[in-house]
Amino acid sequence: MELAVVQEKIIPLDELNPAYLDRGTFFGDGVYDVMRSYSGHIFAFDDHIARFEYSLREIGITGVDIEAIRRKIIYAFDQANIDDCMIYFHITRGSALRSHDWDSNIEHNFFLTITNLISPDPIKKTGVSVCSHQDLRWKRCDIKSLNLLPNVMAKRKAHEKNCFEAILFDSDGNITEGSSSAFFAVIDGCVITRPLGPEILSSVTRKYVKLIARDLGVNFIERPLTLDEARSADELFLGVTTRDILGVVEFDSAVISNAKVGPVTRLFEDAYAKIVKSRSSSLPSLS
């Protein structure tokens, strides 16, 4: 008899819930996205959907009705009735007996959760400490894949050092991004971050940081940044969907901006908050 064991229970394989045979579990064969709401409105909804659609396309998950996904997210958000929340959702290629290849007729699986966010975020006032960690991820980090083991291991190492985030660096010693964040340095009044490419995610927060820089007349430079440059920068900050802009006050034990969130970072925080207020209400309706 073919069977499965779930915890202590033996189940005939033909009676097993297909959720246990998800290719997302076996192979990380899927993509996800995370968006958030502010005061009852989802921010940058279309940006996140566009990135999600790109990731699906890049790993060849086809036949997904994106408009139906949009409706599911909006409906779930309305049902949750949480003003400040995180919306996580993913699609996997589907469920089947474990095999590296798949049947072209496999049906994808959709999953979503909505959870509370603390607002205002207390760590935004004090800033955070970060540490460096070698980037061991695959070569298509522009895809928001479920394959996150290198990210979570880096994040764990950071937490063991009492740091909020691990800042990843490549084989040349250049910073790519955080394990779950975009990374920015402020040097001589300029904001510097790595150019978009397969080494980093196309961060939605990064997009708005770039727009803010343009509006504030701040030079936005896209180039590789070394660890030494970051440790000696005037200011550092992170871009995170669930926390928007977050100042860094220590990097690898090097004090940044006199251990306070810097003035340029604060300018960007304030400008980001204004964008949130002006654009959050643009969420489409179910009608």
Foldseek 3Di string as FASTA:
>chain_A
DDWDQDPHDIGHPVPDDLVVQFVCVVPLAKFKFKWKAAQLFTFPVVVRLVLRVVLCVVSVQDDDDSVVVLLVQQVVSVVVPARIKMKMKMKGSAGDHDDPDDDPPHDIDIDMDIDHDDPPDVQQFQFWEEEEDEDPDDQQQQRRTSPLVSLVVQCVVGVVVVTRWYFYAYPVQWTQAISAWFKWFAAPQAIEGADDDRSHYPDPLVVVLVVLCVVVVTHYYHHTDHPVCRLPTQWMWIAHNSNGIGTHQYYNNRGHNNSGRDPVSVSSVVVVVVCSVVGRVVRDDSD
